[in-house]
Structures are given as C-alpha cells and as structure tokens.
Amino acid sequence: MFGFGQKQIEIILEKLNYSHGEAIKGNVVLNLKNPTHAKALKVGIIGVKSITETRTLNGRPSTTRRDSTIFNFEMPLDVEKDYLQGEYIFEMKVPGEVSQPSTPQGVAGDVIKTIQILAARESDVRWYVTAKLDIPMKLDIDAKVQINIG
C-alpha cells in the first residue's frame, strides 16, 4: 500500500509495443501476504480515450475532459479458490484496427458513426493490460501496465 513494500500483484510483459492482431504474452505474479479467497484471477486489455467537451455556461466557455472506455476485454486465468502466491502465464490478441461496417440510418447510425470516429484516432487512445484478483465483499487486488498499439 502507498507504494511501500512488495507488490501483491504484478504484470510482466515480454514487451510494451504491439501491432494490431499481435499476441500479448506475459505473466501475472501473485505474492499475497495472507491466503485470500477470490472468485477468479483475470487478465484483460482496456482502451481508454480522453474526450474534451466544451460547453457554454452563463455565457462562459467551460472545457471538461473525461475518459471513455472504448475497448474492454477480460479473460479468466484461474477459478474460484484461495490464492497466496503463484505465476500465471497468459496470451491474448491485440484488437484489430477499427473497421467501418455498415451502420443503421437515423440517430442510432449517427451515434455509431461518432463512436467509430472517436475510436479511430489511435494516438488518442491509451491501452492497458490489466490483472485483477476478484475478491467478493472486499476491494479487489489489481494492477495495470500501459502498452503502445500502432
């Protein structure tokens, strides 16, 4: 906690730079202080885009930034059990480039097109590999590592 001591969960990747469709290979290392019952140990990849919005309030422009998750994939590494220490090897695929499938007409189509435009600028997307020990009724133990895709 607070940056002191040994990490309880750690992600170790072979590298940090990836291309679309490439495999991300790595290990999740658990080093808990006490045995902990958890629903599952999971690994995933998340894409987060920062969105800047400008609005006019009382005649003054107001700019806000918020993060929006545009991609979220998670897979289990192990099942419900008591965890203490261990190393778990994983491999998952980097998402492919955003394609432009046919979209419905009207408002729904406009919303989908807007999302596709926002997702297409990959330099604005931050990608993370995540690991999480899903502990019922308590705070989960988690970690994330930023990666580059392009």
N, C-alpha and C. Protein backbone atom coordinates (compact mmCIF):
# COMPACT_ATOMS: atom_id res chain seq x y z
N MET A 1 0.83 -1.19 0.00
CA MET A 1 0.00 0.00 0.00
C MET A 1 0.87 1.25 0.00
N PHE A 2 0.37 2.30 -0.57
CA PHE A 2 1.01 3.60 -0.60
C PHE A 2 2.43 3.54 -1.15
N GLY A 3 2.70 2.55 -2.01
CA GLY A 3 4.00 2.47 -2.66
C GLY A 3 5.09 1.84 -1.83
N PHE A 4 4.75 1.37 -0.62
CA PHE A 4 5.75 0.75 0.23
C PHE A 4 5.65 -0.77 0.12
N GLY A 5 6.76 -1.44 0.26
CA GLY A 5 6.75 -2.90 0.29
C GLY A 5 6.60 -3.51 -1.09
N GLN A 6 6.45 -4.81 -1.08
CA GLN A 6 6.37 -5.58 -2.30
C GLN A 6 4.95 -5.53 -2.86
N LYS A 7 4.83 -5.51 -4.20
CA LYS A 7 3.53 -5.52 -4.85
C LYS A 7 2.85 -6.86 -4.62
N GLN A 8 1.53 -6.83 -4.44
CA GLN A 8 0.79 -8.07 -4.25
C GLN A 8 0.44 -8.74 -5.56
N ILE A 9 0.29 -7.93 -6.62
CA ILE A 9 0.01 -8.48 -7.95
C ILE A 9 0.82 -7.66 -8.96
N GLU A 10 1.44 -8.35 -9.89
CA GLU A 10 2.30 -7.67 -10.85
C GLU A 10 2.11 -8.29 -12.23
N ILE A 11 2.18 -7.44 -13.25
CA ILE A 11 2.09 -7.89 -14.64
C ILE A 11 3.47 -7.75 -15.26
N ILE A 12 3.97 -8.84 -15.83
CA ILE A 12 5.27 -8.81 -16.51
C ILE A 12 5.02 -9.15 -17.97
N LEU A 13 5.34 -8.22 -18.87
CA LEU A 13 5.12 -8.40 -20.30
C LEU A 13 6.44 -8.63 -21.03
N GLU A 14 6.38 -9.36 -22.15
CA GLU A 14 7.58 -9.57 -22.97
C GLU A 14 8.06 -8.26 -23.58
N LYS A 15 7.11 -7.37 -23.92
CA LYS A 15 7.45 -6.07 -24.49
C LYS A 15 6.28 -5.12 -24.29
N LEU A 16 6.45 -3.84 -24.66
CA LEU A 16 5.40 -2.84 -24.45
C LEU A 16 4.81 -2.29 -25.75
N ASN A 17 5.43 -2.58 -26.89
CA ASN A 17 4.96 -2.06 -28.18
C ASN A 17 4.40 -3.20 -29.03
N TYR A 18 3.18 -3.02 -29.53
CA TYR A 18 2.48 -4.07 -30.27
C TYR A 18 1.83 -3.51 -31.53
N SER A 19 1.60 -4.42 -32.48
CA SER A 19 0.85 -4.12 -33.70
C SER A 19 -0.53 -4.75 -33.60
N HIS A 20 -1.46 -4.27 -34.42
CA HIS A 20 -2.80 -4.84 -34.45
C HIS A 20 -2.73 -6.33 -34.77
N GLY A 21 -3.49 -7.13 -34.02
CA GLY A 21 -3.54 -8.56 -34.26
C GLY A 21 -2.41 -9.36 -33.65
N GLU A 22 -1.42 -8.69 -33.10
CA GLU A 22 -0.27 -9.37 -32.49
C GLU A 22 -0.67 -9.93 -31.12
N ALA A 23 0.04 -10.95 -30.67
CA ALA A 23 -0.24 -11.57 -29.37
C ALA A 23 0.53 -10.85 -28.27
N ILE A 24 -0.17 -10.55 -27.19
CA ILE A 24 0.46 -10.01 -25.98
C ILE A 24 0.73 -11.22 -25.09
N LYS A 25 1.99 -11.41 -24.74
CA LYS A 25 2.38 -12.53 -23.89
C LYS A 25 2.99 -12.00 -22.61
N GLY A 26 2.65 -12.65 -21.52
CA GLY A 26 3.21 -12.20 -20.26
C GLY A 26 2.83 -13.11 -19.11
N ASN A 27 3.12 -12.64 -17.92
CA ASN A 27 2.84 -13.37 -16.68
C ASN A 27 2.17 -12.43 -15.69
N VAL A 28 1.27 -12.99 -14.91
CA VAL A 28 0.72 -12.31 -13.74
C VAL A 28 1.31 -13.01 -12.54
N VAL A 29 1.95 -12.24 -11.66
CA VAL A 29 2.60 -12.81 -10.48
C VAL A 29 1.85 -12.35 -9.24
N LEU A 30 1.42 -13.32 -8.44
CA LEU A 30 0.76 -13.03 -7.16
C LEU A 30 1.73 -13.28 -6.03
N ASN A 31 1.76 -12.36 -5.08
CA ASN A 31 2.58 -12.52 -3.89
C ASN A 31 1.82 -11.87 -2.73
N LEU A 32 0.78 -12.58 -2.27
CA LEU A 32 -0.09 -12.05 -1.23
C LEU A 32 0.51 -12.31 0.15
N LYS A 33 0.18 -11.48 1.11
CA LYS A 33 0.69 -11.64 2.47
C LYS A 33 -0.05 -12.75 3.21
N ASN A 34 -1.34 -12.91 2.90
CA ASN A 34 -2.16 -13.92 3.55
C ASN A 34 -2.99 -14.65 2.50
N PRO A 35 -3.37 -15.90 2.76
CA PRO A 35 -4.27 -16.57 1.82
C PRO A 35 -5.55 -15.76 1.66
N THR A 36 -6.00 -15.62 0.42
CA THR A 36 -7.18 -14.81 0.13
C THR A 36 -8.10 -15.57 -0.79
N HIS A 37 -9.38 -15.68 -0.38
CA HIS A 37 -10.36 -16.36 -1.22
C HIS A 37 -10.86 -15.36 -2.27
N ALA A 38 -10.84 -15.79 -3.52
CA ALA A 38 -11.28 -14.93 -4.62
C ALA A 38 -12.13 -15.73 -5.60
N LYS A 39 -13.02 -15.01 -6.30
CA LYS A 39 -13.87 -15.64 -7.33
C LYS A 39 -13.04 -16.08 -8.52
N ALA A 40 -12.06 -15.25 -8.89
CA ALA A 40 -11.25 -15.55 -10.07
C ALA A 40 -10.05 -14.61 -10.14
N LEU A 41 -9.05 -15.05 -10.90
CA LEU A 41 -7.94 -14.20 -11.29
C LEU A 41 -8.13 -13.93 -12.78
N LYS A 42 -8.15 -12.65 -13.16
CA LYS A 42 -8.45 -12.28 -14.54
C LYS A 42 -7.36 -11.38 -15.12
N VAL A 43 -7.22 -11.45 -16.44
CA VAL A 43 -6.31 -10.57 -17.16
C VAL A 43 -7.12 -9.98 -18.31
N GLY A 44 -6.74 -8.77 -18.74
CA GLY A 44 -7.50 -8.15 -19.82
C GLY A 44 -6.74 -7.03 -20.50
N ILE A 45 -7.41 -6.44 -21.47
CA ILE A 45 -6.87 -5.28 -22.18
C ILE A 45 -7.99 -4.25 -22.28
N ILE A 46 -7.63 -3.00 -21.99
CA ILE A 46 -8.60 -1.90 -22.00
C ILE A 46 -8.05 -0.77 -22.86
N GLY A 47 -8.91 -0.18 -23.67
CA GLY A 47 -8.60 1.01 -24.44
C GLY A 47 -9.38 2.18 -23.89
N VAL A 48 -8.70 3.27 -23.54
CA VAL A 48 -9.34 4.44 -22.94
C VAL A 48 -9.03 5.66 -23.79
N LYS A 49 -10.06 6.41 -24.14
CA LYS A 49 -9.91 7.62 -24.94
C LYS A 49 -10.31 8.82 -24.10
N SER A 50 -9.48 9.85 -24.10
CA SER A 50 -9.82 11.10 -23.42
C SER A 50 -10.66 11.95 -24.36
N ILE A 51 -11.78 12.42 -23.86
CA ILE A 51 -12.69 13.24 -24.65
C ILE A 51 -12.76 14.62 -24.01
N THR A 52 -12.56 15.65 -24.83
CA THR A 52 -12.67 17.02 -24.36
C THR A 52 -13.99 17.60 -24.85
N GLU A 53 -14.75 18.15 -23.93
CA GLU A 53 -16.04 18.75 -24.26
C GLU A 53 -16.01 20.21 -23.86
N THR A 54 -16.48 21.07 -24.75
CA THR A 54 -16.59 22.50 -24.45
C THR A 54 -18.06 22.88 -24.49
N ARG A 55 -18.51 23.49 -23.41
CA ARG A 55 -19.90 23.95 -23.30
C ARG A 55 -19.89 25.40 -22.86
N THR A 56 -20.97 26.07 -23.12
CA THR A 56 -21.12 27.45 -22.68
C THR A 56 -22.10 27.47 -21.52
N LEU A 57 -21.62 27.93 -20.37
CA LEU A 57 -22.45 28.07 -19.18
C LEU A 57 -22.45 29.52 -18.74
N ASN A 58 -23.61 30.10 -18.67
CA ASN A 58 -23.75 31.51 -18.26
C ASN A 58 -22.88 32.42 -19.12
N GLY A 59 -22.82 32.15 -20.40
CA GLY A 59 -22.06 32.98 -21.32
C GLY A 59 -20.56 32.73 -21.31
N ARG A 60 -20.08 31.80 -20.53
CA ARG A 60 -18.65 31.50 -20.45
C ARG A 60 -18.38 30.08 -20.94
N PRO A 61 -17.33 29.92 -21.75
CA PRO A 61 -17.00 28.56 -22.18
C PRO A 61 -16.39 27.76 -21.03
N SER A 62 -16.79 26.51 -20.96
CA SER A 62 -16.29 25.61 -19.94
C SER A 62 -15.82 24.33 -20.62
N THR A 63 -14.57 23.98 -20.41
CA THR A 63 -14.00 22.80 -21.03
C THR A 63 -13.78 21.72 -19.97
N THR A 64 -14.23 20.52 -20.27
CA THR A 64 -14.03 19.39 -19.37
C THR A 64 -13.43 18.23 -20.16
N ARG A 65 -12.63 17.44 -19.48
CA ARG A 65 -12.05 16.22 -20.07
C ARG A 65 -12.56 15.04 -19.27
N ARG A 66 -12.92 14.00 -20.01
CA ARG A 66 -13.32 12.78 -19.34
C ARG A 66 -12.77 11.60 -20.13
N ASP A 67 -12.56 10.51 -19.44
CA ASP A 67 -12.09 9.29 -20.09
C ASP A 67 -13.28 8.41 -20.41
N SER A 68 -13.23 7.80 -21.58
CA SER A 68 -14.27 6.89 -22.02
C SER A 68 -13.62 5.58 -22.45
N THR A 69 -14.11 4.48 -21.90
CA THR A 69 -13.58 3.16 -22.28
C THR A 69 -14.17 2.78 -23.62
N ILE A 70 -13.29 2.55 -24.63
CA ILE A 70 -13.76 2.20 -25.97
C ILE A 70 -13.53 0.73 -26.28
N PHE A 71 -12.72 0.05 -25.45
CA PHE A 71 -12.47 -1.37 -25.65
C PHE A 71 -12.20 -1.99 -24.29
N ASN A 72 -12.84 -3.12 -24.01
CA ASN A 72 -12.63 -3.79 -22.73
C ASN A 72 -12.79 -5.29 -22.93
N PHE A 73 -11.68 -6.01 -22.82
CA PHE A 73 -11.68 -7.46 -22.94
C PHE A 73 -11.05 -8.03 -21.68
N GLU A 74 -11.69 -9.05 -21.11
CA GLU A 74 -11.18 -9.67 -19.90
C GLU A 74 -11.35 -11.18 -20.01
N MET A 75 -10.36 -11.93 -19.54
CA MET A 75 -10.47 -13.38 -19.55
C MET A 75 -9.93 -13.95 -18.24
N PRO A 76 -10.53 -15.06 -17.78
CA PRO A 76 -10.06 -15.65 -16.53
C PRO A 76 -8.75 -16.41 -16.72
N LEU A 77 -7.90 -16.33 -15.71
CA LEU A 77 -6.67 -17.11 -15.67
C LEU A 77 -6.80 -18.30 -14.73
N ASP A 78 -7.65 -18.13 -13.71
CA ASP A 78 -7.85 -19.21 -12.76
C ASP A 78 -9.23 -19.04 -12.12
N VAL A 79 -9.70 -20.09 -11.44
CA VAL A 79 -11.06 -20.18 -10.92
C VAL A 79 -11.16 -19.75 -9.47
N GLU A 80 -12.36 -19.88 -8.92
CA GLU A 80 -12.59 -19.54 -7.52
C GLU A 80 -11.81 -20.49 -6.62
N LYS A 81 -11.02 -19.89 -5.74
CA LYS A 81 -10.21 -20.68 -4.80
C LYS A 81 -9.50 -19.73 -3.85
N ASP A 82 -8.67 -20.29 -2.97
CA ASP A 82 -7.81 -19.49 -2.10
C ASP A 82 -6.49 -19.24 -2.83
N TYR A 83 -6.07 -17.97 -2.87
CA TYR A 83 -4.84 -17.58 -3.55
C TYR A 83 -3.83 -17.10 -2.52
N LEU A 84 -2.56 -17.34 -2.79
CA LEU A 84 -1.49 -16.82 -1.95
C LEU A 84 -0.33 -16.36 -2.82
N GLN A 85 0.30 -17.29 -3.51
CA GLN A 85 1.40 -16.95 -4.40
C GLN A 85 1.26 -17.78 -5.67
N GLY A 86 1.82 -17.27 -6.74
CA GLY A 86 1.79 -18.03 -7.97
C GLY A 86 2.12 -17.17 -9.17
N GLU A 87 2.45 -17.85 -10.25
CA GLU A 87 2.75 -17.16 -11.51
C GLU A 87 1.85 -17.77 -12.59
N TYR A 88 1.16 -16.91 -13.32
CA TYR A 88 0.18 -17.34 -14.31
C TYR A 88 0.57 -16.78 -15.67
N ILE A 89 0.80 -17.68 -16.62
CA ILE A 89 1.18 -17.28 -17.98
C ILE A 89 -0.09 -16.98 -18.77
N PHE A 90 -0.06 -15.92 -19.58
CA PHE A 90 -1.22 -15.61 -20.41
C PHE A 90 -0.78 -15.18 -21.80
N GLU A 91 -1.72 -15.26 -22.71
CA GLU A 91 -1.54 -14.75 -24.07
C GLU A 91 -2.91 -14.29 -24.56
N MET A 92 -2.98 -13.09 -25.10
CA MET A 92 -4.21 -12.57 -25.68
C MET A 92 -3.87 -11.69 -26.88
N LYS A 93 -4.81 -11.54 -27.75
CA LYS A 93 -4.56 -10.85 -29.01
C LYS A 93 -4.88 -9.36 -28.90
N VAL A 94 -4.01 -8.54 -29.49
CA VAL A 94 -4.25 -7.10 -29.59
C VAL A 94 -5.45 -6.90 -30.50
N PRO A 95 -6.36 -5.99 -30.16
CA PRO A 95 -7.52 -5.78 -31.03
C PRO A 95 -7.09 -5.30 -32.42
N GLY A 96 -7.87 -5.70 -33.43
CA GLY A 96 -7.60 -5.27 -34.80
C GLY A 96 -7.95 -3.81 -34.99
N GLU A 97 -7.61 -3.29 -36.16
CA GLU A 97 -7.94 -1.91 -36.47
C GLU A 97 -9.45 -1.74 -36.55
N VAL A 98 -9.92 -0.52 -36.27
CA VAL A 98 -11.35 -0.24 -36.31
C VAL A 98 -11.81 -0.32 -37.76
N SER A 99 -12.79 -1.18 -38.00
CA SER A 99 -13.35 -1.29 -39.35
C SER A 99 -14.59 -0.41 -39.45
N GLN A 100 -15.06 -0.22 -40.65
CA GLN A 100 -16.22 0.62 -40.88
C GLN A 100 -17.37 -0.22 -41.45
N PRO A 101 -18.03 -1.04 -40.61
CA PRO A 101 -19.14 -1.84 -41.10
C PRO A 101 -20.34 -0.95 -41.43
N SER A 102 -21.29 -1.50 -42.16
CA SER A 102 -22.48 -0.71 -42.48
C SER A 102 -23.22 -0.41 -41.18
N THR A 103 -23.76 0.80 -41.09
CA THR A 103 -24.44 1.23 -39.88
C THR A 103 -25.88 1.58 -40.20
N PRO A 104 -26.75 1.47 -39.20
CA PRO A 104 -28.15 1.82 -39.43
C PRO A 104 -28.30 3.31 -39.72
N GLN A 105 -29.44 3.68 -40.27
CA GLN A 105 -29.74 5.08 -40.58
C GLN A 105 -30.33 5.76 -39.35
N GLY A 106 -30.36 7.09 -39.39
CA GLY A 106 -31.00 7.86 -38.33
C GLY A 106 -30.08 8.11 -37.15
N VAL A 107 -30.72 8.38 -36.00
CA VAL A 107 -29.98 8.74 -34.79
C VAL A 107 -29.05 7.62 -34.36
N ALA A 108 -29.51 6.37 -34.40
CA ALA A 108 -28.66 5.24 -33.98
C ALA A 108 -27.42 5.16 -34.86
N GLY A 109 -27.58 5.35 -36.17
CA GLY A 109 -26.44 5.33 -37.08
C GLY A 109 -25.48 6.46 -36.80
N ASP A 110 -26.02 7.66 -36.50
CA ASP A 110 -25.16 8.80 -36.18
C ASP A 110 -24.34 8.54 -34.92
N VAL A 111 -24.95 7.93 -33.92
CA VAL A 111 -24.24 7.62 -32.68
C VAL A 111 -23.12 6.62 -32.95
N ILE A 112 -23.41 5.58 -33.72
CA ILE A 112 -22.40 4.57 -34.03
C ILE A 112 -21.26 5.19 -34.82
N LYS A 113 -21.56 6.04 -35.80
CA LYS A 113 -20.51 6.68 -36.60
C LYS A 113 -19.63 7.57 -35.72
N THR A 114 -20.25 8.28 -34.78
CA THR A 114 -19.48 9.14 -33.87
C THR A 114 -18.52 8.30 -33.03
N ILE A 115 -19.00 7.19 -32.51
CA ILE A 115 -18.14 6.31 -31.72
C ILE A 115 -16.99 5.79 -32.57
N GLN A 116 -17.27 5.41 -33.82
CA GLN A 116 -16.22 4.90 -34.70
C GLN A 116 -15.17 5.98 -34.98
N ILE A 117 -15.60 7.21 -35.18
CA ILE A 117 -14.66 8.31 -35.42
C ILE A 117 -13.78 8.53 -34.20
N LEU A 118 -14.41 8.52 -33.01
CA LEU A 118 -13.63 8.72 -31.78
C LEU A 118 -12.63 7.58 -31.58
N ALA A 119 -13.03 6.37 -31.90
CA ALA A 119 -12.15 5.22 -31.69
C ALA A 119 -11.05 5.12 -32.73
N ALA A 120 -11.25 5.73 -33.89
CA ALA A 120 -10.30 5.57 -34.99
C ALA A 120 -8.97 6.29 -34.76
N ARG A 121 -8.95 7.36 -34.00
CA ARG A 121 -7.70 8.09 -33.77
C ARG A 121 -6.93 7.40 -32.67
N GLU A 122 -6.11 6.46 -33.05
CA GLU A 122 -5.45 5.60 -32.09
C GLU A 122 -4.41 6.32 -31.26
N SER A 123 -3.88 7.42 -31.77
CA SER A 123 -2.89 8.14 -30.98
C SER A 123 -3.53 8.76 -29.74
N ASP A 124 -4.86 8.91 -29.76
CA ASP A 124 -5.58 9.47 -28.62
C ASP A 124 -6.05 8.40 -27.64
N VAL A 125 -5.78 7.14 -27.96
CA VAL A 125 -6.23 6.04 -27.12
C VAL A 125 -5.06 5.53 -26.29
N ARG A 126 -5.31 5.37 -25.00
CA ARG A 126 -4.32 4.76 -24.11
C ARG A 126 -4.75 3.32 -23.88
N TRP A 127 -3.80 2.41 -24.06
CA TRP A 127 -4.07 0.98 -23.92
C TRP A 127 -3.40 0.44 -22.67
N TYR A 128 -4.09 -0.44 -21.96
CA TYR A 128 -3.56 -1.03 -20.73
C TYR A 128 -3.81 -2.53 -20.72
N VAL A 129 -2.84 -3.28 -20.21
CA VAL A 129 -3.05 -4.67 -19.85
C VAL A 129 -3.36 -4.65 -18.35
N THR A 130 -4.43 -5.34 -17.97
CA THR A 130 -4.87 -5.32 -16.58
C THR A 130 -4.87 -6.72 -16.00
N ALA A 131 -4.71 -6.80 -14.69
CA ALA A 131 -4.86 -8.06 -13.96
C ALA A 131 -5.65 -7.75 -12.70
N LYS A 132 -6.54 -8.68 -12.35
CA LYS A 132 -7.40 -8.42 -11.18
C LYS A 132 -7.69 -9.73 -10.46
N LEU A 133 -7.54 -9.69 -9.15
CA LEU A 133 -7.98 -10.77 -8.29
C LEU A 133 -9.33 -10.34 -7.74
N ASP A 134 -10.39 -11.01 -8.19
CA ASP A 134 -11.77 -10.63 -7.87
C ASP A 134 -12.16 -11.22 -6.52
N ILE A 135 -12.11 -10.36 -5.48
CA ILE A 135 -12.36 -10.79 -4.11
C ILE A 135 -13.76 -10.36 -3.70
N PRO A 136 -14.64 -11.32 -3.37
CA PRO A 136 -16.00 -10.96 -3.00
C PRO A 136 -16.05 -10.17 -1.70
N MET A 137 -16.90 -9.15 -1.68
CA MET A 137 -17.18 -8.33 -0.50
C MET A 137 -15.98 -7.54 0.04
N LYS A 138 -14.91 -7.45 -0.75
CA LYS A 138 -13.73 -6.67 -0.35
C LYS A 138 -13.18 -5.97 -1.59
N LEU A 139 -12.21 -5.11 -1.38
CA LEU A 139 -11.56 -4.46 -2.51
C LEU A 139 -10.75 -5.47 -3.30
N ASP A 140 -10.89 -5.42 -4.63
CA ASP A 140 -10.10 -6.30 -5.48
C ASP A 140 -8.64 -5.87 -5.45
N ILE A 141 -7.76 -6.82 -5.71
CA ILE A 141 -6.34 -6.53 -5.86
C ILE A 141 -6.08 -6.47 -7.35
N ASP A 142 -5.54 -5.35 -7.83
CA ASP A 142 -5.38 -5.21 -9.27
C ASP A 142 -4.10 -4.48 -9.64
N ALA A 143 -3.78 -4.59 -10.94
CA ALA A 143 -2.59 -3.92 -11.48
C ALA A 143 -2.87 -3.61 -12.94
N LYS A 144 -2.15 -2.62 -13.47
CA LYS A 144 -2.24 -2.35 -14.91
C LYS A 144 -0.92 -1.81 -15.40
N VAL A 145 -0.66 -2.12 -16.69
CA VAL A 145 0.56 -1.68 -17.36
C VAL A 145 0.14 -1.05 -18.68
N GLN A 146 0.61 0.17 -18.94
CA GLN A 146 0.29 0.82 -20.21
C GLN A 146 1.15 0.25 -21.33
N ILE A 147 0.50 0.00 -22.48
CA ILE A 147 1.20 -0.51 -23.66
C ILE A 147 0.93 0.42 -24.84
N ASN A 148 1.70 0.27 -25.91
CA ASN A 148 1.50 1.06 -27.13
C ASN A 148 1.03 0.12 -28.23
N ILE A 149 0.00 0.55 -28.96
CA ILE A 149 -0.52 -0.21 -30.09
C ILE A 149 -0.52 0.70 -31.31
N GLY A 150 0.07 0.23 -32.37
CA GLY A 150 0.07 1.05 -33.58
C GLY A 150 0.99 0.53 -34.65
